[in-house]
Amino acid sequence: MLCRVLFAMVLALAPGFASQGDSLEHKLRTANEHRQRGRFSEAMQLYGEALSEAEALGERDLMLAKTLNNVGVMRFTLGQYAQAEPLYRRALAIWEKVGGDQDPGLASCLNNLGELYRGMGRFAEAEKMYQRALDLREAAVHRAPADLATTLNSLGVVQQMKGNLESAESSFLRALKLQEEHLGMDSPRTAASLNNLAQVYRLQRRFSEAEKLYLQSLAIKQRALGNEHPDLSATLNNYAAMLADQGDVQTAEKYYREALAIREKALGPEHPSVAVSLNNLAALLRSVQRYAESEELLQRALPIFEKSLGAEHPNVGAALSNLADLRVYTKRYAEAEPLFRRALEIAEKQDVPDNLDVATIVQNLGSLFLRQQKYRGAEQFFTRALAVREKKLGPAHASVADLQNLLGQAVQAQGRVTEAAGYYRKAAGVYEQALGVSHPSTTSTLAAYAATLRQAKREDEAEAVEKRLRTVKN
């Protein structure tokens, strides 16, 4: 069964160009400084005062748009998405009517609205906002490279979440180059791009490159923001996920718990980022059979997601899927299937072609059916998941081999040994290429391939595979 781990892609939200001057601008600038340093109660008080002053200026004053945008950023940071959207929408309407395309605040607001939609799981709307912001910033007479990098970073995030890893890598690399040139390597915004690029490399299993970038991002954030800022927790979360991928459970748990503690202290216990940490720590504990602890964390995460993000949000689906996994591992199969199916319904509603989240849930449903000896149903689920993974990840990815291996088991159980041998052969080849010939996944699949060949009375081929296995083990 596959866990659904949630990643924190870090973005530099554009605050709205408040400069020192009159009382209103000074309040916005000071509130932004408080927000960036994680002093949220002080920031909220000043934002509230600033908004009251700005409302008196009327709907045709750009200072009202700037103030609405800044307050929207604060609401988003606190996980109050429903309150943030109307603020951004009002700001956007004023900028479109009064400021025009050359006003940098318009692109800022579009970028922030896109980030809100991404957080809400509305990926198609997010991408439209990011693309429009990018077009404005690239066409601007007075081009601002750091702001252009912010939007490239944002666009890369949604590309990554849709499984377009090559496009995401290109966007992050371009953003990183601009930030290095114009902000320097000590900027938290540069650290955000390093984190996001590392996430792409992690998904591509380029672990050594990813680790270097994660550690670089952490060092910059610690110097610039301190050890208790919520932005630091995002990279801790992602670095922990990479360590878990490599089997370093003890260190992964340490970093997951650090990220959780930072988020609970800075954001409060009901923030969706806290639920992300709970979900990911639960997935890790489940992988080492600490089922009771894992279930307790998931039962806490699920209502936070539902309350803050809505019942149809992708993060709700991830928590449901992980809760279903627990039911499987504790042999509560009848409880697992409806949870998987609800998670699948949520994933299928996302506007993401060939969704890898759908493939993960479908694979887990297949594994559930396989355990219950419902072999034909398992085969159908595995075939569907395999088609998505091959299309999105390519035929040489280890997760493609996982499904070929599972298909081999499903068809072998139905007596179709020749087909099973073919699946095992393909899986072993992919595992060897992706993981190495001595990796346990490679050797166990070669052993299954040899056993199936013997079952099919193909003794000479079976002997050749077994001889190779003996050579590898020696």
Protein backbone atom coordinates (compact mmCIF):
# COMPACT_ATOMS: atom_id res chain seq x y z
CA MET A 1 0.00 0.00 0.00
CA LEU A 2 1.24 3.49 -0.83
CA CYS A 3 1.11 6.38 1.67
CA ARG A 4 -0.05 9.81 0.53
CA VAL A 5 2.59 12.28 1.73
CA LEU A 6 1.82 16.00 1.35
CA PHE A 7 4.54 18.42 0.36
CA ALA A 8 5.01 22.06 1.22
CA MET A 9 5.89 24.08 -1.82
CA VAL A 10 7.17 27.44 -0.66
CA LEU A 11 6.14 30.68 -2.34
CA ALA A 12 7.11 34.28 -1.79
CA LEU A 13 3.76 36.06 -1.69
CA ALA A 14 3.87 39.54 -3.15
CA PRO A 15 2.65 41.99 -0.51
CA GLY A 16 1.53 44.97 -2.53
CA PHE A 17 4.23 47.62 -2.66
CA ALA A 18 3.56 49.58 0.52
CA SER A 19 6.30 52.18 1.01
CA GLN A 20 7.15 54.44 3.91
CA GLY A 21 5.18 57.65 3.86
CA ASP A 22 1.86 58.52 5.39
CA SER A 23 0.28 56.66 8.31
CA LEU A 24 -1.46 54.04 6.16
CA GLU A 25 1.60 53.08 4.17
CA HIS A 26 3.71 52.97 7.32
CA LYS A 27 1.19 50.65 8.99
CA LEU A 28 1.20 48.31 5.99
CA ARG A 29 4.98 48.23 5.86
CA THR A 30 5.22 47.49 9.58
CA ALA A 31 2.45 44.87 9.39
CA ASN A 32 4.26 43.16 6.52
CA GLU A 33 7.45 43.03 8.58
CA HIS A 34 5.57 41.44 11.48
CA ARG A 35 3.97 38.87 9.15
CA GLN A 36 7.27 37.96 7.52
CA ARG A 37 8.83 37.38 10.94
CA GLY A 38 5.92 35.26 12.13
CA ARG A 39 4.51 37.84 14.57
CA PHE A 40 0.95 37.30 13.40
CA SER A 41 -1.08 38.88 16.19
CA GLU A 42 0.83 42.18 15.85
CA ALA A 43 0.44 42.01 12.08
CA MET A 44 -3.31 41.39 12.25
CA GLN A 45 -3.87 44.37 14.53
CA LEU A 46 -2.05 46.73 12.16
CA TYR A 47 -3.71 45.25 9.05
CA GLY A 48 -7.11 45.83 10.64
CA GLU A 49 -6.29 49.46 11.39
CA ALA A 50 -4.89 49.96 7.88
CA LEU A 51 -7.97 48.47 6.23
CA SER A 52 -10.28 50.76 8.19
CA GLU A 53 -8.32 53.77 6.96
CA ALA A 54 -8.17 52.49 3.38
CA GLU A 55 -11.92 51.85 3.17
CA ALA A 56 -12.48 55.57 3.74
CA LEU A 57 -10.54 56.32 0.54
CA GLY A 58 -13.14 54.67 -1.70
CA GLU A 59 -13.17 51.98 -4.39
CA ARG A 60 -11.20 54.04 -6.91
CA ASP A 61 -8.11 54.49 -4.75
CA LEU A 62 -5.20 52.13 -5.37
CA MET A 63 -4.20 52.28 -1.70
CA LEU A 64 -7.39 50.37 -0.93
CA ALA A 65 -6.37 47.69 -3.47
CA LYS A 66 -2.89 47.47 -1.93
CA THR A 67 -4.33 47.18 1.56
CA LEU A 68 -6.85 44.52 0.56
CA ASN A 69 -4.07 42.53 -1.12
CA ASN A 70 -1.88 42.70 1.98
CA VAL A 71 -4.70 41.68 4.30
CA GLY A 72 -5.49 38.83 1.88
CA VAL A 73 -1.90 37.59 2.21
CA MET A 74 -2.26 37.62 6.01
CA ARG A 75 -5.53 35.67 5.87
CA PHE A 76 -3.94 33.15 3.51
CA THR A 77 -0.93 32.74 5.80
CA LEU A 78 -3.28 31.95 8.68
CA GLY A 79 -5.07 29.32 6.59
CA GLN A 80 -8.24 31.42 6.39
CA TYR A 81 -8.82 30.81 2.68
CA ALA A 82 -12.51 31.70 2.60
CA GLN A 83 -11.75 35.14 4.05
CA ALA A 84 -8.77 35.71 1.75
CA GLU A 85 -10.57 35.19 -1.58
CA PRO A 86 -13.01 38.15 -1.42
CA LEU A 87 -10.16 40.43 -0.32
CA TYR A 88 -8.06 39.46 -3.32
CA ARG A 89 -11.06 39.69 -5.65
CA ARG A 90 -11.89 43.23 -4.51
CA ALA A 91 -8.25 44.27 -4.88
CA LEU A 92 -8.09 42.75 -8.35
CA ALA A 93 -11.22 44.58 -9.49
CA ILE A 94 -9.80 47.94 -8.36
CA TRP A 95 -6.44 47.34 -10.04
CA GLU A 96 -8.09 46.29 -13.30
CA LYS A 97 -10.37 49.33 -13.29
CA VAL A 98 -7.99 51.99 -12.01
CA GLY A 99 -4.38 50.81 -12.25
CA GLY A 100 -4.13 49.06 -15.59
CA ASP A 101 -1.70 46.42 -16.84
CA GLN A 102 1.43 48.44 -16.11
CA ASP A 103 0.68 48.78 -12.41
CA PRO A 104 2.88 46.17 -10.70
CA GLY A 105 0.22 45.61 -8.06
CA LEU A 106 -2.05 43.91 -10.59
CA ALA A 107 0.45 41.11 -11.25
CA SER A 108 1.11 40.88 -7.52
CA CYS A 109 -2.56 40.35 -6.77
CA LEU A 110 -2.98 37.83 -9.60
CA ASN A 111 -0.04 35.84 -8.28
CA ASN A 112 -1.43 35.83 -4.75
CA LEU A 113 -4.89 34.82 -5.94
CA GLY A 114 -3.28 31.98 -7.87
CA GLU A 115 -1.52 30.81 -4.73
CA LEU A 116 -4.81 30.87 -2.87
CA TYR A 117 -6.49 28.74 -5.55
CA ARG A 118 -3.58 26.31 -5.48
CA GLY A 119 -3.97 25.97 -1.72
CA MET A 120 -7.67 25.32 -2.23
CA GLY A 121 -6.95 22.59 -4.78
CA ARG A 122 -8.34 24.65 -7.69
CA PHE A 123 -5.32 24.01 -9.88
CA ALA A 124 -6.71 25.08 -13.26
CA GLU A 125 -7.79 28.47 -11.88
CA ALA A 126 -4.43 28.84 -10.14
CA GLU A 127 -2.51 28.19 -13.33
CA LYS A 128 -4.57 30.80 -15.21
CA MET A 129 -3.80 33.43 -12.57
CA TYR A 130 -0.09 32.58 -12.55
CA GLN A 131 0.13 32.65 -16.34
CA ARG A 132 -1.61 36.01 -16.54
CA ALA A 133 0.72 37.43 -13.88
CA LEU A 134 3.72 36.03 -15.74
CA ASP A 135 2.59 37.60 -19.03
CA LEU A 136 2.18 41.00 -17.36
CA ARG A 137 5.55 40.85 -15.66
CA GLU A 138 7.41 39.77 -18.77
CA ALA A 139 5.76 42.55 -20.81
CA ALA A 140 6.28 45.29 -18.20
CA VAL A 141 8.15 48.39 -19.32
CA HIS A 142 10.03 48.47 -16.02
CA ARG A 143 10.66 44.79 -15.56
CA ALA A 144 11.21 43.62 -11.96
CA PRO A 145 13.31 40.44 -12.05
CA ALA A 146 12.59 39.42 -8.44
CA ASP A 147 8.83 39.69 -8.99
CA LEU A 148 9.13 37.75 -12.25
CA ALA A 149 10.94 35.04 -10.29
CA THR A 150 8.08 34.91 -7.77
CA THR A 151 5.56 34.15 -10.51
CA LEU A 152 7.84 31.61 -12.20
CA ASN A 153 8.15 29.89 -8.83
CA SER A 154 4.38 29.91 -8.41
CA LEU A 155 3.81 28.50 -11.89
CA GLY A 156 6.38 25.80 -11.24
CA VAL A 157 4.52 24.71 -8.11
CA VAL A 158 1.26 24.09 -9.95
CA GLN A 159 3.12 22.37 -12.81
CA GLN A 160 4.74 20.05 -10.28
CA MET A 161 1.42 19.31 -8.59
CA LYS A 162 -0.06 18.38 -11.97
CA GLY A 163 2.83 15.97 -12.56
CA ASN A 164 4.60 18.09 -15.21
CA LEU A 165 8.01 17.69 -13.60
CA GLU A 166 10.12 18.83 -16.57
CA SER A 167 8.13 22.05 -16.92
CA ALA A 168 8.32 22.63 -13.16
CA GLU A 169 12.07 22.12 -13.14
CA SER A 170 12.46 24.65 -15.95
CA SER A 171 10.33 27.24 -14.12
CA PHE A 172 12.20 26.76 -10.82
CA LEU A 173 15.63 26.94 -12.47
CA ARG A 174 14.70 30.16 -14.23
CA ALA A 175 13.32 31.64 -11.00
CA LEU A 176 16.41 30.58 -9.08
CA LYS A 177 18.75 32.22 -11.59
CA LEU A 178 16.88 35.53 -11.35
CA GLN A 179 16.85 35.39 -7.55
CA GLU A 180 20.55 34.58 -7.31
CA GLU A 181 21.34 37.54 -9.57
CA HIS A 182 19.00 40.11 -8.03
CA LEU A 183 18.33 39.01 -4.43
CA GLY A 184 21.43 37.01 -3.57
CA MET A 185 21.85 33.62 -1.95
CA ASP A 186 20.82 34.79 1.52
CA SER A 187 17.23 35.70 0.60
CA PRO A 188 14.32 33.60 1.91
CA ARG A 189 12.79 33.89 -1.56
CA THR A 190 15.88 32.21 -3.02
CA ALA A 191 15.55 29.53 -0.34
CA ALA A 192 11.94 28.95 -1.47
CA SER A 193 13.08 28.16 -5.01
CA LEU A 194 15.80 25.85 -3.71
CA ASN A 195 13.16 23.96 -1.69
CA ASN A 196 10.83 23.65 -4.65
CA LEU A 197 13.54 22.53 -7.08
CA ALA A 198 14.65 19.95 -4.50
CA GLN A 199 11.11 18.61 -4.42
CA VAL A 200 11.16 18.01 -8.18
CA TYR A 201 14.48 16.19 -7.88
CA ARG A 202 13.09 14.10 -5.03
CA LEU A 203 10.13 13.02 -7.16
CA GLN A 204 12.60 12.14 -9.92
CA ARG A 205 14.58 10.11 -7.32
CA ARG A 206 17.63 12.35 -7.79
CA PHE A 207 18.20 12.16 -4.06
CA SER A 208 21.76 13.47 -3.79
CA GLU A 209 20.86 16.61 -5.75
CA ALA A 210 17.67 17.07 -3.74
CA GLU A 211 19.43 16.72 -0.39
CA LYS A 212 22.01 19.36 -1.29
CA LEU A 213 19.27 21.85 -2.16
CA TYR A 214 17.13 21.06 0.90
CA LEU A 215 20.08 21.62 3.24
CA GLN A 216 21.02 24.84 1.44
CA SER A 217 17.42 26.08 1.75
CA LEU A 218 17.31 25.20 5.46
CA ALA A 219 20.56 27.03 6.17
CA ILE A 220 19.36 30.21 4.44
CA LYS A 221 16.00 30.19 6.24
CA GLN A 222 17.58 29.57 9.63
CA ARG A 223 19.91 32.54 9.16
CA ALA A 224 17.25 34.86 7.76
CA LEU A 225 14.14 33.83 9.70
CA GLY A 226 15.27 31.95 12.79
CA ASN A 227 14.42 28.45 13.97
CA GLU A 228 10.72 28.98 14.71
CA HIS A 229 9.40 30.51 11.49
CA PRO A 230 6.70 28.48 9.65
CA ASP A 231 8.56 28.81 6.34
CA LEU A 232 11.36 26.72 7.86
CA SER A 233 8.88 23.95 8.65
CA ALA A 234 8.02 23.54 4.96
CA THR A 235 11.56 22.53 4.04
CA LEU A 236 11.89 20.37 7.17
CA ASN A 237 8.72 18.54 6.05
CA ASN A 238 10.02 17.91 2.55
CA TYR A 239 13.49 16.89 3.69
CA ALA A 240 11.89 14.41 6.09
CA ALA A 241 9.86 12.93 3.23
CA MET A 242 13.02 12.38 1.21
CA LEU A 243 14.74 10.70 4.16
CA ALA A 244 11.70 8.44 4.58
CA ASP A 245 11.92 7.52 0.88
CA GLN A 246 15.47 6.35 1.52
CA GLY A 247 14.52 4.32 4.59
CA ASP A 248 15.98 6.63 7.26
CA VAL A 249 12.86 6.51 9.42
CA GLN A 250 14.46 7.70 12.66
CA THR A 251 15.86 10.92 11.18
CA ALA A 252 12.70 11.49 9.13
CA GLU A 253 10.58 11.27 12.28
CA LYS A 254 12.85 13.81 14.01
CA TYR A 255 12.37 16.37 11.23
CA TYR A 256 8.64 15.72 10.88
CA ARG A 257 8.20 16.35 14.59
CA GLU A 258 10.29 19.54 14.40
CA ALA A 259 8.11 20.82 11.56
CA LEU A 260 4.94 19.94 13.48
CA ALA A 261 6.13 21.75 16.62
CA ILE A 262 7.01 24.90 14.67
CA ARG A 263 3.62 24.94 12.92
CA GLU A 264 1.60 24.34 16.08
CA LYS A 265 3.40 27.16 17.87
CA ALA A 266 3.39 29.68 15.02
CA LEU A 267 0.07 28.91 13.31
CA GLY A 268 -2.10 27.28 15.96
CA PRO A 269 -3.39 23.68 16.26
CA GLU A 270 -6.19 24.05 13.67
CA HIS A 271 -4.11 25.37 10.75
CA PRO A 272 -4.09 23.20 7.58
CA SER A 273 -0.27 23.14 7.62
CA VAL A 274 -0.45 21.48 11.04
CA ALA A 275 -2.72 18.84 9.51
CA VAL A 276 -0.15 18.31 6.71
CA SER A 277 2.49 17.55 9.34
CA LEU A 278 0.13 15.22 11.21
CA ASN A 279 -0.70 13.37 7.97
CA ASN A 280 2.93 12.92 6.99
CA LEU A 281 4.08 11.81 10.42
CA ALA A 282 1.18 9.33 10.47
CA ALA A 283 2.27 7.90 7.12
CA LEU A 284 5.81 7.44 8.42
CA LEU A 285 4.69 5.73 11.63
CA ARG A 286 2.39 3.43 9.66
CA SER A 287 5.38 2.32 7.58
CA VAL A 288 7.07 0.98 10.74
CA GLN A 289 3.88 -0.65 12.07
CA ARG A 290 3.16 1.92 14.77
CA TYR A 291 -0.49 1.71 13.80
CA ALA A 292 -2.16 3.11 16.91
CA GLU A 293 -0.02 6.26 16.89
CA SER A 294 -0.56 6.67 13.16
CA GLU A 295 -4.32 6.40 13.43
CA GLU A 296 -4.47 8.91 16.28
CA LEU A 297 -2.61 11.48 14.15
CA LEU A 298 -4.81 10.90 11.10
CA GLN A 299 -7.99 11.17 13.15
CA ARG A 300 -6.73 14.57 14.26
CA ALA A 301 -5.63 15.70 10.77
CA LEU A 302 -8.82 14.79 8.89
CA PRO A 303 -11.26 17.16 10.66
CA ILE A 304 -8.74 20.01 10.42
CA PHE A 305 -8.54 19.55 6.65
CA GLU A 306 -12.31 19.26 6.31
CA LYS A 307 -12.98 22.36 8.42
CA SER A 308 -10.32 24.60 6.92
CA LEU A 309 -10.27 23.42 3.29
CA GLY A 310 -13.64 21.78 2.66
CA ALA A 311 -14.71 18.16 2.27
CA GLU A 312 -13.61 17.90 -1.39
CA HIS A 313 -10.06 19.21 -1.00
CA PRO A 314 -7.20 16.94 -2.21
CA ASN A 315 -5.65 16.95 1.28
CA VAL A 316 -8.87 15.45 2.66
CA GLY A 317 -8.51 12.70 0.06
CA ALA A 318 -4.89 12.09 1.10
CA ALA A 319 -5.86 11.72 4.77
CA LEU A 320 -8.76 9.41 3.88
CA SER A 321 -6.46 7.27 1.71
CA ASN A 322 -3.90 6.98 4.50
CA LEU A 323 -6.62 6.11 7.00
CA ALA A 324 -7.81 3.40 4.60
CA ASP A 325 -4.25 2.06 4.42
CA LEU A 326 -4.29 1.66 8.18
CA ARG A 327 -7.53 -0.29 7.97
CA VAL A 328 -5.89 -2.63 5.47
CA TYR A 329 -2.80 -3.22 7.57
CA THR A 330 -4.94 -3.98 10.61
CA LYS A 331 -7.10 -6.31 8.47
CA ARG A 332 -10.25 -4.17 8.69
CA TYR A 333 -10.91 -4.58 4.99
CA ALA A 334 -14.62 -3.77 5.03
CA GLU A 335 -13.83 -0.37 6.57
CA ALA A 336 -10.99 0.34 4.14
CA GLU A 337 -12.82 0.12 0.82
CA PRO A 338 -15.37 2.95 1.37
CA LEU A 339 -12.56 5.24 2.58
CA PHE A 340 -10.52 4.50 -0.55
CA ARG A 341 -13.55 5.07 -2.77
CA ARG A 342 -14.32 8.42 -1.14
CA ALA A 343 -10.67 9.44 -1.58
CA LEU A 344 -10.87 8.37 -5.23
CA GLU A 345 -13.99 10.47 -5.82
CA ILE A 346 -12.17 13.53 -4.46
CA ALA A 347 -9.07 12.90 -6.58
CA GLU A 348 -11.10 12.35 -9.75
CA LYS A 349 -12.75 15.76 -9.31
CA GLN A 350 -9.41 17.55 -9.51
CA ASP A 351 -8.76 19.26 -12.82
CA VAL A 352 -5.56 17.27 -13.40
CA PRO A 353 -5.22 15.02 -16.47
CA ASP A 354 -3.70 11.60 -15.72
CA ASN A 355 -3.65 12.40 -12.02
CA LEU A 356 -0.95 10.51 -10.11
CA ASP A 357 -3.03 10.79 -6.93
CA VAL A 358 -5.77 8.85 -8.73
CA ALA A 359 -3.21 6.24 -9.75
CA THR A 360 -2.03 5.86 -6.15
CA ILE A 361 -5.55 5.33 -4.79
CA VAL A 362 -6.46 2.95 -7.61
CA GLN A 363 -3.30 0.95 -6.92
CA ASN A 364 -4.20 0.76 -3.23
CA LEU A 365 -7.70 -0.43 -4.10
CA GLY A 366 -6.09 -3.11 -6.25
CA SER A 367 -3.87 -4.17 -3.37
CA LEU A 368 -6.92 -4.37 -1.11
CA PHE A 369 -8.70 -6.60 -3.63
CA LEU A 370 -5.57 -8.74 -4.00
CA ARG A 371 -5.49 -9.36 -0.24
CA GLN A 372 -9.15 -10.38 -0.39
CA GLN A 373 -8.44 -12.75 -3.31
CA LYS A 374 -10.61 -10.69 -5.67
CA TYR A 375 -8.07 -11.16 -8.40
CA ARG A 376 -10.02 -9.96 -11.43
CA GLY A 377 -10.94 -6.69 -9.71
CA ALA A 378 -7.35 -6.24 -8.55
CA GLU A 379 -6.11 -6.72 -12.12
CA GLN A 380 -8.47 -4.04 -13.40
CA PHE A 381 -7.33 -1.52 -10.80
CA PHE A 382 -3.63 -2.25 -11.40
CA THR A 383 -4.04 -1.94 -15.18
CA ARG A 384 -5.69 1.46 -14.81
CA ALA A 385 -2.99 2.73 -12.44
CA LEU A 386 -0.19 1.40 -14.66
CA ALA A 387 -1.46 3.33 -17.69
CA VAL A 388 -1.33 6.62 -15.75
CA ARG A 389 2.10 6.01 -14.25
CA GLU A 390 3.66 4.97 -17.55
CA LYS A 391 2.27 8.09 -19.23
CA LYS A 392 3.29 10.53 -16.49
CA LEU A 393 6.55 9.00 -15.25
CA GLY A 394 7.80 6.98 -18.19
CA PRO A 395 8.31 3.22 -18.51
CA ALA A 396 11.60 3.14 -16.57
CA HIS A 397 10.28 4.48 -13.22
CA ALA A 398 10.39 2.19 -10.18
CA SER A 399 6.71 2.81 -9.38
CA VAL A 400 5.85 1.46 -12.85
CA ALA A 401 7.70 -1.73 -11.91
CA ASP A 402 5.70 -1.90 -8.68
CA LEU A 403 2.49 -2.13 -10.69
CA GLN A 404 3.93 -4.62 -13.16
CA ASN A 405 4.91 -6.77 -10.19
CA LEU A 406 1.42 -6.52 -8.71
CA LEU A 407 -0.16 -7.35 -12.06
CA GLY A 408 2.05 -10.42 -12.20
CA GLN A 409 0.64 -11.55 -8.85
CA ALA A 410 -2.96 -10.85 -9.90
CA VAL A 411 -2.83 -12.75 -13.19
CA GLN A 412 -0.74 -15.59 -11.73
CA ALA A 413 -3.44 -16.14 -9.12
CA GLN A 414 -5.91 -16.52 -12.01
CA GLY A 415 -3.73 -19.23 -13.57
CA ARG A 416 -2.36 -17.07 -16.41
CA VAL A 417 1.28 -17.94 -15.76
CA THR A 418 2.64 -16.87 -19.16
CA GLU A 419 1.26 -13.35 -18.69
CA ALA A 420 2.54 -13.31 -15.12
CA ALA A 421 6.04 -14.21 -16.28
CA GLY A 422 5.93 -11.33 -18.75
CA TYR A 423 4.97 -8.83 -16.04
CA TYR A 424 7.67 -10.11 -13.67
CA ARG A 425 10.29 -9.93 -16.44
CA LYS A 426 9.40 -6.30 -17.24
CA ALA A 427 9.32 -5.35 -13.56
CA ALA A 428 12.70 -6.94 -12.85
CA GLY A 429 14.23 -5.06 -15.79
CA VAL A 430 12.90 -1.72 -14.59
CA TYR A 431 13.95 -2.36 -11.00
CA GLU A 432 17.46 -3.31 -12.09
CA GLN A 433 17.77 -0.15 -14.17
CA ALA A 434 16.26 2.15 -11.54
CA LEU A 435 17.47 0.58 -8.28
CA GLY A 436 20.33 -1.76 -9.14
CA VAL A 437 20.60 -5.51 -9.59
CA SER A 438 21.18 -6.25 -5.89
CA HIS A 439 18.22 -4.23 -4.61
CA PRO A 440 15.65 -6.39 -2.76
CA SER A 441 12.89 -5.36 -5.18
CA THR A 442 15.01 -6.59 -8.09
CA THR A 443 16.01 -9.90 -6.52
CA SER A 444 12.56 -10.74 -5.16
CA THR A 445 10.99 -10.05 -8.56
CA LEU A 446 13.61 -12.16 -10.32
CA ALA A 447 12.79 -14.97 -7.89
CA ALA A 448 9.08 -14.64 -8.69
CA TYR A 449 9.92 -14.61 -12.42
CA ALA A 450 11.93 -17.82 -12.09
CA ALA A 451 9.19 -19.54 -10.09
CA THR A 452 6.59 -18.58 -12.70
CA LEU A 453 8.80 -19.88 -15.52
CA ARG A 454 9.04 -23.23 -13.73
CA GLN A 455 5.26 -23.23 -13.28
CA ALA A 456 4.99 -22.70 -17.05
CA LYS A 457 7.40 -25.64 -17.65
CA ARG A 458 10.05 -23.33 -19.12
CA GLU A 459 12.83 -25.03 -17.18
CA ASP A 460 15.86 -23.79 -19.11
CA GLU A 461 14.78 -20.14 -18.81
CA ALA A 462 14.03 -20.61 -15.12
CA GLU A 463 17.47 -22.12 -14.53
CA ALA A 464 19.14 -19.17 -16.26
CA VAL A 465 17.30 -16.66 -14.07
CA GLU A 466 18.06 -18.64 -10.91
CA LYS A 467 21.75 -18.87 -11.86
CA ARG A 468 21.83 -15.10 -12.27
CA LEU A 469 20.17 -14.70 -8.89
CA ARG A 470 22.83 -16.89 -7.24
CA THR A 471 25.53 -14.76 -8.85
CA VAL A 472 23.97 -11.55 -7.57
CA LYS A 473 23.60 -12.89 -4.01
CA ASN A 474 27.20 -14.12 -3.96
